[in-house]
């Protein structure tokens, strides 16, 4: 059985949990408290030297890190990865966009606001990061105004971008102006097998 090392408040971990639920794949969940240094222990660093969740342990004992790599591994050969070459490239395009243009500007402000004290020096980053987060949603809005999903049919591209997008309010980013993004969030939430990020 697969074993997922995760922290439930992580959108990166949620990507994997959402896909596993939609695939109907059983797995063992090992919760680690990243705020208490649980991913910095010698035991965990032996599994993932980068000391981050999610980390997936495969049935043969191999460890796989990086949320989008895990999602791609699990989804390959399923309906969640486009069958054609260009479709796969477009899905990857959105997955790279998520990591470089979206996640740092939605997930990071969310982390600062939810987990760091009010007097944290990192609060000075918020305005800049939130502005870049809104810019990322602008890119998504333009695409989703013409398409129901990001890369053809519902796919890994939607799963990875949904994870933090649907918690944008917790990052201090108001999605009210992004009508197409909000409609897309509702379509993703309506997919069979959808599970919430937090209980």
C-alpha atoms as a PDB file:
ATOM      1  CA  UNK A   1       0.000   0.000   0.000  1.00  0.00           C
ATOM      2  CA  UNK A   2       1.106   3.558  -0.672  1.00  0.00           C
ATOM      3  CA  UNK A   3       2.095   5.688   2.319  1.00  0.00           C
ATOM      4  CA  UNK A   4       1.659   9.456   2.154  1.00  0.00           C
ATOM      5  CA  UNK A   5       3.615  11.640   4.570  1.00  0.00           C
ATOM      6  CA  UNK A   6       1.650  14.853   4.792  1.00  0.00           C
ATOM      7  CA  UNK A   7       0.515  17.893   6.749  1.00  0.00           C
ATOM      8  CA  UNK A   8      -3.217  18.400   6.355  1.00  0.00           C
ATOM      9  CA  UNK A   9      -3.114  22.197   6.077  1.00  0.00           C
ATOM     10  CA  UNK A  10      -0.759  21.971   3.098  1.00  0.00           C
ATOM     11  CA  UNK A  11      -2.269  22.573  -0.319  1.00  0.00           C
ATOM     12  CA  UNK A  12       0.654  20.688  -1.824  1.00  0.00           C
ATOM     13  CA  UNK A  13      -0.318  17.651   0.202  1.00  0.00           C
ATOM     14  CA  UNK A  14      -3.986  18.177  -0.614  1.00  0.00           C
ATOM     15  CA  UNK A  15      -3.258  17.874  -4.346  1.00  0.00           C
ATOM     16  CA  UNK A  16      -2.111  14.328  -3.755  1.00  0.00           C
ATOM     17  CA  UNK A  17      -4.953  13.443  -1.378  1.00  0.00           C
ATOM     18  CA  UNK A  18      -7.541  14.832  -3.812  1.00  0.00           C
ATOM     19  CA  UNK A  19      -6.157  12.800  -6.708  1.00  0.00           C
ATOM     20  CA  UNK A  20      -5.905   9.626  -4.614  1.00  0.00           C
ATOM     21  CA  UNK A  21      -9.547  10.086  -3.589  1.00  0.00           C
ATOM     22  CA  UNK A  22     -10.643  10.623  -7.181  1.00  0.00           C
ATOM     23  CA  UNK A  23      -8.671   7.578  -8.306  1.00  0.00           C
ATOM     24  CA  UNK A  24     -10.154   5.513  -5.500  1.00  0.00           C
ATOM     25  CA  UNK A  25      -6.639   4.443  -4.501  1.00  0.00           C
ATOM     26  CA  UNK A  26      -6.202   3.273  -0.903  1.00  0.00           C
ATOM     27  CA  UNK A  27      -3.240   4.620   1.040  1.00  0.00           C
ATOM     28  CA  UNK A  28      -1.883   5.060   4.528  1.00  0.00           C
ATOM     29  CA  UNK A  29      -1.674   8.649   5.758  1.00  0.00           C
ATOM     30  CA  UNK A  30       1.133   9.628   8.126  1.00  0.00           C
ATOM     31  CA  UNK A  31       0.534  13.135   9.446  1.00  0.00           C
ATOM     32  CA  UNK A  32       3.609  15.199  10.278  1.00  0.00           C
ATOM     33  CA  UNK A  33       3.519  18.543  12.072  1.00  0.00           C
ATOM     34  CA  UNK A  34       5.801  20.726   9.998  1.00  0.00           C
ATOM     35  CA  UNK A  35       5.425  23.534  12.519  1.00  0.00           C
ATOM     36  CA  UNK A  36       7.084  21.322  15.138  1.00  0.00           C
ATOM     37  CA  UNK A  37       9.980  20.272  12.905  1.00  0.00           C
ATOM     38  CA  UNK A  38       8.680  16.774  12.172  1.00  0.00           C
ATOM     39  CA  UNK A  39      10.122  16.835   8.637  1.00  0.00           C
ATOM     40  CA  UNK A  40      13.583  17.851   9.872  1.00  0.00           C
ATOM     41  CA  UNK A  41      14.302  14.716  11.869  1.00  0.00           C
ATOM     42  CA  UNK A  42      17.029  12.302  10.707  1.00  0.00           C
ATOM     43  CA  UNK A  43      14.336   9.665  10.221  1.00  0.00           C
ATOM     44  CA  UNK A  44      12.311  11.793   7.795  1.00  0.00           C
ATOM     45  CA  UNK A  45      15.350  13.286   6.053  1.00  0.00           C
ATOM     46  CA  UNK A  46      16.362   9.722   5.169  1.00  0.00           C
ATOM     47  CA  UNK A  47      13.079   9.525   3.243  1.00  0.00           C
ATOM     48  CA  UNK A  48      13.253  13.002   1.692  1.00  0.00           C
ATOM     49  CA  UNK A  49      16.562  14.861   2.092  1.00  0.00           C
ATOM     50  CA  UNK A  50      14.775  18.119   1.230  1.00  0.00           C
ATOM     51  CA  UNK A  51      12.697  17.717   4.387  1.00  0.00           C
ATOM     52  CA  UNK A  52       9.334  18.556   2.877  1.00  0.00           C
ATOM     53  CA  UNK A  53       5.875  17.113   2.571  1.00  0.00           C
ATOM     54  CA  UNK A  54       4.210  15.599   0.734  1.00  0.00           C
ATOM     55  CA  UNK A  55       6.428  12.578   0.331  1.00  0.00           C
ATOM     56  CA  UNK A  56       4.976   9.379  -1.105  1.00  0.00           C
ATOM     57  CA  UNK A  57       6.357   5.959  -0.216  1.00  0.00           C
ATOM     58  CA  UNK A  58       5.661   3.460  -2.983  1.00  0.00           C
ATOM     59  CA  UNK A  59       4.873  -0.189  -2.415  1.00  0.00           C
ATOM     60  CA  UNK A  60       8.503  -1.181  -3.085  1.00  0.00           C
ATOM     61  CA  UNK A  61       9.864   1.285  -0.518  1.00  0.00           C
ATOM     62  CA  UNK A  62      10.875   3.963  -3.027  1.00  0.00           C
ATOM     63  CA  UNK A  63      10.233   7.541  -1.876  1.00  0.00           C
ATOM     64  CA  UNK A  64       8.916  10.185  -4.251  1.00  0.00           C
ATOM     65  CA  UNK A  65       8.924  13.891  -3.378  1.00  0.00           C
ATOM     66  CA  UNK A  66       7.585  17.125  -4.920  1.00  0.00           C
ATOM     67  CA  UNK A  67       3.812  17.363  -5.063  1.00  0.00           C
ATOM     68  CA  UNK A  68       3.428  17.809  -8.807  1.00  0.00           C
ATOM     69  CA  UNK A  69       5.796  14.927  -9.552  1.00  0.00           C
ATOM     70  CA  UNK A  70       3.760  12.738  -7.202  1.00  0.00           C
ATOM     71  CA  UNK A  71       0.530  13.825  -8.893  1.00  0.00           C
ATOM     72  CA  UNK A  72       1.949  13.059 -12.338  1.00  0.00           C
ATOM     73  CA  UNK A  73       3.209   9.643 -11.200  1.00  0.00           C
ATOM     74  CA  UNK A  74      -0.173   8.690  -9.752  1.00  0.00           C
ATOM     75  CA  UNK A  75      -2.185  10.053 -12.666  1.00  0.00           C
ATOM     76  CA  UNK A  76      -0.131   8.696 -15.551  1.00  0.00           C
ATOM     77  CA  UNK A  77      -2.201   6.290 -17.622  1.00  0.00           C
ATOM     78  CA  UNK A  78      -5.481   7.541 -16.137  1.00  0.00           C
ATOM     79  CA  UNK A  79      -8.135   9.957 -17.386  1.00  0.00           C
ATOM     80  CA  UNK A  80      -6.452  12.734 -15.397  1.00  0.00           C
ATOM     81  CA  UNK A  81      -3.547  12.997 -17.864  1.00  0.00           C
ATOM     82  CA  UNK A  82      -4.457  14.010 -21.434  1.00  0.00           C
ATOM     83  CA  UNK A  83      -3.977  11.215 -23.960  1.00  0.00           C
ATOM     84  CA  UNK A  84      -2.408  13.354 -26.693  1.00  0.00           C
ATOM     85  CA  UNK A  85       1.082  14.808 -26.720  1.00  0.00           C
ATOM     86  CA  UNK A  86       0.027  18.452 -26.917  1.00  0.00           C
ATOM     87  CA  UNK A  87      -2.581  17.944 -24.207  1.00  0.00           C
ATOM     88  CA  UNK A  88       0.055  16.486 -21.882  1.00  0.00           C
ATOM     89  CA  UNK A  89       2.362  19.410 -22.611  1.00  0.00           C
ATOM     90  CA  UNK A  90      -0.441  21.875 -21.834  1.00  0.00           C
ATOM     91  CA  UNK A  91      -1.160  20.105 -18.555  1.00  0.00           C
ATOM     92  CA  UNK A  92       2.527  20.330 -17.666  1.00  0.00           C
ATOM     93  CA  UNK A  93       2.542  23.998 -18.703  1.00  0.00           C
ATOM     94  CA  UNK A  94      -0.138  24.733 -16.108  1.00  0.00           C
ATOM     95  CA  UNK A  95       1.637  22.577 -13.508  1.00  0.00           C
ATOM     96  CA  UNK A  96       4.844  24.577 -13.990  1.00  0.00           C
ATOM     97  CA  UNK A  97       2.799  27.787 -13.864  1.00  0.00           C
ATOM     98  CA  UNK A  98       1.378  26.630 -10.531  1.00  0.00           C
ATOM     99  CA  UNK A  99       4.812  26.120  -9.019  1.00  0.00           C
ATOM    100  CA  UNK A 100       6.487  29.258 -10.353  1.00  0.00           C
ATOM    101  CA  UNK A 101       3.775  31.884 -10.850  1.00  0.00           C
ATOM    102  CA  UNK A 102       0.969  30.856  -8.499  1.00  0.00           C
ATOM    103  CA  UNK A 103       2.054  28.831  -5.455  1.00  0.00           C
ATOM    104  CA  UNK A 104       4.703  31.301  -4.187  1.00  0.00           C
ATOM    105  CA  UNK A 105       2.139  34.107  -4.310  1.00  0.00           C
ATOM    106  CA  UNK A 106      -0.931  32.322  -2.950  1.00  0.00           C
ATOM    107  CA  UNK A 107       0.408  29.559  -0.702  1.00  0.00           C
ATOM    108  CA  UNK A 108       3.112  31.692   0.910  1.00  0.00           C
ATOM    109  CA  UNK A 109       0.815  34.571   1.953  1.00  0.00           C
ATOM    110  CA  UNK A 110      -1.633  31.970   3.242  1.00  0.00           C
ATOM    111  CA  UNK A 111       1.126  30.370   5.315  1.00  0.00           C
ATOM    112  CA  UNK A 112       2.239  33.743   6.681  1.00  0.00           C
ATOM    113  CA  UNK A 113      -1.297  34.724   7.664  1.00  0.00           C
ATOM    114  CA  UNK A 114      -2.286  31.336   9.113  1.00  0.00           C
ATOM    115  CA  UNK A 115       0.876  30.192  10.816  1.00  0.00           C
ATOM    116  CA  UNK A 116       3.180  33.087  11.650  1.00  0.00           C
ATOM    117  CA  UNK A 117       2.699  35.599  14.466  1.00  0.00           C
ATOM    118  CA  UNK A 118       1.281  39.044  13.715  1.00  0.00           C
ATOM    119  CA  UNK A 119       4.668  40.637  14.391  1.00  0.00           C
ATOM    120  CA  UNK A 120       6.560  38.335  11.997  1.00  0.00           C
ATOM    121  CA  UNK A 121       8.994  40.186   9.749  1.00  0.00           C
ATOM    122  CA  UNK A 122       7.627  38.141   6.861  1.00  0.00           C
ATOM    123  CA  UNK A 123       4.429  40.192   6.959  1.00  0.00           C
ATOM    124  CA  UNK A 124       6.333  42.792   4.931  1.00  0.00           C
ATOM    125  CA  UNK A 125       6.200  40.364   1.983  1.00  0.00           C
ATOM    126  CA  UNK A 126       2.427  40.167   1.916  1.00  0.00           C
ATOM    127  CA  UNK A 127       1.451  43.103  -0.299  1.00  0.00           C
ATOM    128  CA  UNK A 128       3.938  42.215  -3.033  1.00  0.00           C
ATOM    129  CA  UNK A 129       3.135  38.521  -2.971  1.00  0.00           C
ATOM    130  CA  UNK A 130      -0.615  39.112  -2.958  1.00  0.00           C
ATOM    131  CA  UNK A 131      -0.305  41.430  -5.965  1.00  0.00           C
ATOM    132  CA  UNK A 132       1.569  38.703  -7.833  1.00  0.00           C
ATOM    133  CA  UNK A 133      -1.076  36.210  -6.737  1.00  0.00           C
ATOM    134  CA  UNK A 134      -3.788  38.404  -8.232  1.00  0.00           C
ATOM    135  CA  UNK A 135      -1.744  38.591 -11.444  1.00  0.00           C
ATOM    136  CA  UNK A 136      -1.640  34.788 -11.561  1.00  0.00           C
ATOM    137  CA  UNK A 137      -5.404  34.651 -11.135  1.00  0.00           C
ATOM    138  CA  UNK A 138      -5.669  37.145 -13.975  1.00  0.00           C
ATOM    139  CA  UNK A 139      -3.845  34.700 -16.254  1.00  0.00           C
ATOM    140  CA  UNK A 140      -6.166  31.913 -15.184  1.00  0.00           C
ATOM    141  CA  UNK A 141      -9.231  34.143 -15.580  1.00  0.00           C
ATOM    142  CA  UNK A 142      -8.394  34.943 -19.212  1.00  0.00           C
ATOM    143  CA  UNK A 143      -8.050  31.250 -20.036  1.00  0.00           C
ATOM    144  CA  UNK A 144     -11.033  30.025 -18.026  1.00  0.00           C
ATOM    145  CA  UNK A 145     -13.295  32.658 -19.566  1.00  0.00           C
ATOM    146  CA  UNK A 146     -13.036  30.544 -22.747  1.00  0.00           C
ATOM    147  CA  UNK A 147     -12.508  27.028 -21.368  1.00  0.00           C
ATOM    148  CA  UNK A 148     -14.204  24.921 -18.706  1.00  0.00           C
ATOM    149  CA  UNK A 149     -10.903  23.439 -17.548  1.00  0.00           C
ATOM    150  CA  UNK A 150      -7.237  24.284 -17.900  1.00  0.00           C
ATOM    151  CA  UNK A 151      -5.943  21.591 -20.257  1.00  0.00           C
ATOM    152  CA  UNK A 152      -8.908  20.195 -22.160  1.00  0.00           C
ATOM    153  CA  UNK A 153     -10.966  17.971 -19.881  1.00  0.00           C
ATOM    154  CA  UNK A 154     -10.616  17.934 -16.090  1.00  0.00           C
ATOM    155  CA  UNK A 155      -7.025  16.894 -15.405  1.00  0.00           C
ATOM    156  CA  UNK A 156      -3.978  17.091 -13.167  1.00  0.00           C
ATOM    157  CA  UNK A 157      -3.664  20.745 -14.208  1.00  0.00           C
ATOM    158  CA  UNK A 158      -6.950  21.544 -12.503  1.00  0.00           C
ATOM    159  CA  UNK A 159      -6.129  19.466  -9.430  1.00  0.00           C
ATOM    160  CA  UNK A 160      -2.820  21.197  -8.722  1.00  0.00           C
ATOM    161  CA  UNK A 161      -4.138  24.717  -9.266  1.00  0.00           C
ATOM    162  CA  UNK A 162      -7.351  24.098  -7.347  1.00  0.00           C
ATOM    163  CA  UNK A 163      -5.460  23.182  -4.171  1.00  0.00           C
ATOM    164  CA  UNK A 164      -4.412  26.689  -3.165  1.00  0.00           C
ATOM    165  CA  UNK A 165      -6.810  28.636  -5.419  1.00  0.00           C
ATOM    166  CA  UNK A 166      -9.842  27.521  -3.453  1.00  0.00           C
ATOM    167  CA  UNK A 167      -8.194  28.841  -0.248  1.00  0.00           C
ATOM    168  CA  UNK A 168      -7.187  32.208  -1.742  1.00  0.00           C
ATOM    169  CA  UNK A 169      -9.251  34.104   0.828  1.00  0.00           C
ATOM    170  CA  UNK A 170      -6.939  32.703   3.519  1.00  0.00           C
ATOM    171  CA  UNK A 171      -4.058  34.316   1.616  1.00  0.00           C
ATOM    172  CA  UNK A 172      -5.826  37.677   1.748  1.00  0.00           C
ATOM    173  CA  UNK A 173      -6.702  37.484  -1.958  1.00  0.00           C
ATOM    174  CA  UNK A 174     -10.295  38.297  -2.881  1.00  0.00           C
ATOM    175  CA  UNK A 175     -11.534  36.251  -5.844  1.00  0.00           C
ATOM    176  CA  UNK A 176     -14.717  38.293  -6.281  1.00  0.00           C
ATOM    177  CA  UNK A 177     -13.422  39.978  -9.491  1.00  0.00           C
ATOM    178  CA  UNK A 178     -12.438  36.627 -11.025  1.00  0.00           C
ATOM    179  CA  UNK A 179     -15.799  35.307 -12.210  1.00  0.00           C
ATOM    180  CA  UNK A 180     -14.412  32.588 -14.480  1.00  0.00           C
ATOM    181  CA  UNK A 181     -12.017  31.358 -11.802  1.00  0.00           C
ATOM    182  CA  UNK A 182     -14.852  31.108  -9.284  1.00  0.00           C
ATOM    183  CA  UNK A 183     -17.020  29.198 -11.763  1.00  0.00           C
ATOM    184  CA  UNK A 184     -14.089  26.840 -12.416  1.00  0.00           C
ATOM    185  CA  UNK A 185     -13.625  26.279  -8.671  1.00  0.00           C
ATOM    186  CA  UNK A 186     -17.256  25.187  -8.488  1.00  0.00           C
ATOM    187  CA  UNK A 187     -16.786  22.802 -11.433  1.00  0.00           C
ATOM    188  CA  UNK A 188     -13.759  21.228  -9.778  1.00  0.00           C
ATOM    189  CA  UNK A 189     -15.578  20.868  -6.461  1.00  0.00           C
ATOM    190  CA  UNK A 190     -18.387  19.071  -8.305  1.00  0.00           C
ATOM    191  CA  UNK A 191     -16.098  16.388  -9.755  1.00  0.00           C
ATOM    192  CA  UNK A 192     -16.745  12.791  -8.665  1.00  0.00           C
ATOM    193  CA  UNK A 193     -14.626  11.778  -5.698  1.00  0.00           C
ATOM    194  CA  UNK A 194     -13.926  15.323  -4.580  1.00  0.00           C
ATOM    195  CA  UNK A 195     -12.868  15.594  -0.946  1.00  0.00           C
ATOM    196  CA  UNK A 196     -12.343  18.754   1.126  1.00  0.00           C
ATOM    197  CA  UNK A 197      -8.857  19.900   2.048  1.00  0.00           C
ATOM    198  CA  UNK A 198      -9.540  19.887   5.781  1.00  0.00           C
ATOM    199  CA  UNK A 199     -12.027  17.794   7.742  1.00  0.00           C
END
